[in-house]
Amino acid sequence: MRSWALFFSAIFASLSSVLSLVVPFCSLLHFYHGNLFVVASERISSRGIEVMLYLTPFLMFFAFIIFLIILSGLKAPSKVFEIKQILKVVVIVTLSWLSLIFFIQFLDGMINDVLESLVFGVIGLFIILPPLIVGLISGNTMYLIVNKRRFDRLQDNAISKYKSSPL
């Protein structure tokens, strides 16, 4: 059944992609400011690490939903590194990201400031793409592991059925 393999792949992909985004960011803040946790009432820039730690469960849930949609739309992987699959997802995310920027600029009536928004949008896209690619690769890995175990179990059942056959 493809749904269980897809479910576990989406869980593993969301976990690895969110952690690949949160852990480097929190480490950067820790080394930059010198402390990991700060009092919530302080108004200093190291509160960003608190926000990341509080938002991590929400990011994991959101990433799970997104990877469930992405992985269900793609064909079943045959390798861990599927270059066509990665390029297809990157192109779709890039086009949707840029169209969202243009749509927001158009609705805001600031279409003449689109270049500035486009620069920040591209920076944001380059921040989001590595965790997306890590998530795709880890989702493919989990899908292949689950399917290999299921295939081995089915093969063992088929062999034992033929051994007990009177023919």
Protein backbone atom coordinates (compact mmCIF):
# COMPACT_ATOMS: atom_id res chain seq x y z
CA MET A 1 0.00 0.00 0.00
CA ARG A 2 1.57 3.25 -1.16
CA SER A 3 -0.18 5.37 1.46
CA TRP A 4 1.80 4.08 4.46
CA ALA A 5 5.09 4.46 2.66
CA LEU A 6 4.03 7.96 1.63
CA PHE A 7 2.98 8.79 5.20
CA PHE A 8 6.31 7.70 6.71
CA SER A 9 8.23 9.40 3.91
CA ALA A 10 6.43 12.68 4.58
CA ILE A 11 7.11 12.40 8.33
CA PHE A 12 10.80 11.70 7.76
CA ALA A 13 11.11 14.42 5.10
CA SER A 14 9.46 17.06 7.31
CA LEU A 15 11.59 16.11 10.31
CA SER A 16 14.85 16.26 8.39
CA SER A 17 14.01 19.43 6.46
CA VAL A 18 12.88 21.39 9.51
CA LEU A 19 15.86 20.27 11.55
CA SER A 20 18.21 21.13 8.68
CA LEU A 21 16.80 24.66 8.80
CA VAL A 22 16.42 25.14 12.57
CA VAL A 23 19.67 23.61 13.85
CA PRO A 24 22.05 25.78 11.75
CA PHE A 25 20.02 28.91 12.48
CA CYS A 26 19.97 28.25 16.23
CA SER A 27 23.69 27.40 16.20
CA LEU A 28 24.43 30.64 14.38
CA LEU A 29 22.46 32.63 16.94
CA HIS A 30 24.13 30.76 19.79
CA PHE A 31 27.65 31.43 18.54
CA TYR A 32 26.83 34.99 17.55
CA HIS A 33 25.21 36.05 20.83
CA GLY A 34 26.95 33.68 23.23
CA ASN A 35 23.90 32.21 24.93
CA LEU A 36 21.26 29.79 23.80
CA PHE A 37 18.25 30.77 25.92
CA VAL A 38 17.35 34.25 27.03
CA VAL A 39 14.58 35.67 29.16
CA ALA A 40 11.46 36.21 27.08
CA SER A 41 10.94 39.74 28.39
CA GLU A 42 14.30 40.98 27.13
CA ARG A 43 14.19 42.92 23.89
CA ILE A 44 17.42 41.78 22.31
CA SER A 45 18.09 40.21 18.96
CA SER A 46 18.91 36.78 20.40
CA ARG A 47 15.19 36.21 21.01
CA GLY A 48 15.16 34.80 17.49
CA ILE A 49 16.38 31.48 18.83
CA GLU A 50 13.42 31.34 21.22
CA VAL A 51 11.05 32.03 18.39
CA MET A 52 12.64 29.27 16.30
CA LEU A 53 12.39 26.79 19.16
CA TYR A 54 8.77 27.68 19.83
CA LEU A 55 7.83 27.53 16.16
CA THR A 56 9.61 24.24 15.39
CA PRO A 57 6.55 22.03 16.10
CA PHE A 58 4.39 24.24 13.87
CA LEU A 59 7.06 24.15 11.17
CA MET A 60 7.17 20.35 11.38
CA PHE A 61 3.39 20.08 11.01
CA PHE A 62 3.35 22.55 8.11
CA ALA A 63 6.27 20.77 6.43
CA PHE A 64 4.52 17.41 6.90
CA ILE A 65 1.44 18.69 5.06
CA ILE A 66 3.56 20.24 2.30
CA PHE A 67 5.70 17.11 1.82
CA LEU A 68 2.60 14.93 1.84
CA ILE A 69 1.23 17.02 -1.04
CA ILE A 70 4.57 17.12 -2.89
CA LEU A 71 5.38 13.42 -2.52
CA SER A 72 1.87 12.32 -3.46
CA GLY A 73 2.09 14.36 -6.66
CA LEU A 74 5.40 12.84 -7.74
CA LYS A 75 6.03 9.40 -9.14
CA ALA A 76 7.38 6.71 -6.85
CA PRO A 77 11.17 7.07 -6.62
CA SER A 78 13.51 4.38 -7.84
CA LYS A 79 16.69 6.02 -6.50
CA VAL A 80 17.54 8.24 -3.56
CA PHE A 81 18.85 11.09 -5.72
CA GLU A 82 16.27 11.66 -8.45
CA ILE A 83 17.54 14.72 -10.31
CA LYS A 84 14.38 15.08 -12.42
CA GLN A 85 12.23 14.95 -9.30
CA ILE A 86 14.33 17.56 -7.49
CA LEU A 87 14.38 19.90 -10.52
CA LYS A 88 10.63 19.54 -10.99
CA VAL A 89 9.94 20.47 -7.36
CA VAL A 90 12.44 23.36 -7.44
CA VAL A 91 10.86 24.79 -10.60
CA ILE A 92 7.33 24.49 -9.20
CA VAL A 93 8.31 26.08 -5.86
CA THR A 94 10.22 28.87 -7.62
CA LEU A 95 7.36 29.70 -9.97
CA SER A 96 4.79 29.64 -7.19
CA TRP A 97 7.05 31.74 -4.94
CA LEU A 98 7.65 34.39 -7.62
CA SER A 99 4.01 34.48 -8.65
CA LEU A 100 3.06 34.98 -4.99
CA ILE A 101 5.46 37.93 -4.77
CA PHE A 102 4.03 39.51 -7.93
CA PHE A 103 0.47 38.86 -6.75
CA ILE A 104 1.09 40.50 -3.36
CA GLN A 105 2.81 43.47 -5.02
CA PHE A 106 -0.08 43.84 -7.47
CA LEU A 107 -2.70 43.72 -4.71
CA ASP A 108 -0.75 46.19 -2.60
CA GLY A 109 -0.50 48.60 -5.53
CA MET A 110 3.29 48.73 -5.25
CA ILE A 111 4.13 47.12 -8.57
CA ASN A 112 6.85 49.74 -9.12
CA ASP A 113 8.77 48.39 -6.09
CA VAL A 114 8.76 44.84 -7.40
CA LEU A 115 12.55 44.75 -7.88
CA GLU A 116 13.23 45.26 -4.19
CA SER A 117 10.69 42.60 -3.23
CA LEU A 118 12.09 40.29 -5.88
CA VAL A 119 15.59 40.53 -4.38
CA PHE A 120 14.32 39.62 -0.92
CA GLY A 121 12.11 36.93 -2.42
CA VAL A 122 15.06 35.31 -4.17
CA ILE A 123 17.08 35.43 -0.93
CA GLY A 124 14.18 33.75 0.87
CA LEU A 125 13.91 31.18 -1.90
CA PHE A 126 17.60 30.31 -1.59
CA ILE A 127 17.13 29.88 2.17
CA ILE A 128 14.16 27.54 1.68
CA LEU A 129 15.53 25.42 -1.19
CA PRO A 130 18.26 23.48 0.71
CA PRO A 131 15.83 22.17 3.39
CA LEU A 132 13.38 21.32 0.61
CA ILE A 133 16.01 19.30 -1.24
CA VAL A 134 17.13 17.61 2.00
CA GLY A 135 13.50 16.72 2.69
CA LEU A 136 13.02 15.26 -0.79
CA ILE A 137 16.15 13.13 -0.52
CA SER A 138 15.24 11.87 2.97
CA GLY A 139 11.65 11.20 1.85
CA ASN A 140 12.96 9.15 -1.09
CA THR A 141 15.27 7.27 1.27
CA MET A 142 12.45 6.41 3.66
CA TYR A 143 10.16 5.40 0.79
CA LEU A 144 12.77 3.02 -0.61
CA ILE A 145 13.50 1.54 2.85
CA VAL A 146 9.83 0.91 3.60
CA ASN A 147 9.20 -0.60 0.16
CA LYS A 148 12.32 -2.80 0.37
CA ARG A 149 11.21 -4.25 3.71
CA ARG A 150 7.71 -4.83 2.40
CA PHE A 151 9.06 -6.42 -0.79
CA ASP A 152 11.39 -8.68 1.22
CA ARG A 153 8.50 -9.73 3.48
CA LEU A 154 6.28 -10.52 0.49
CA GLN A 155 9.10 -12.42 -1.17
CA ASP A 156 9.72 -14.48 1.99
CA ASN A 157 6.00 -15.32 2.21
CA ALA A 158 5.94 -16.38 -1.44
CA ILE A 159 9.02 -18.59 -1.00
CA SER A 160 7.62 -20.25 2.12
CA LYS A 161 4.31 -20.85 0.33
CA TYR A 162 6.11 -22.59 -2.52
CA LYS A 163 8.23 -24.69 -0.12
CA SER A 164 5.12 -26.04 1.56
CA SER A 165 3.48 -26.77 -1.77
CA PRO A 166 3.14 -30.48 -2.55
CA LEU A 167 4.29 -29.87 -6.11
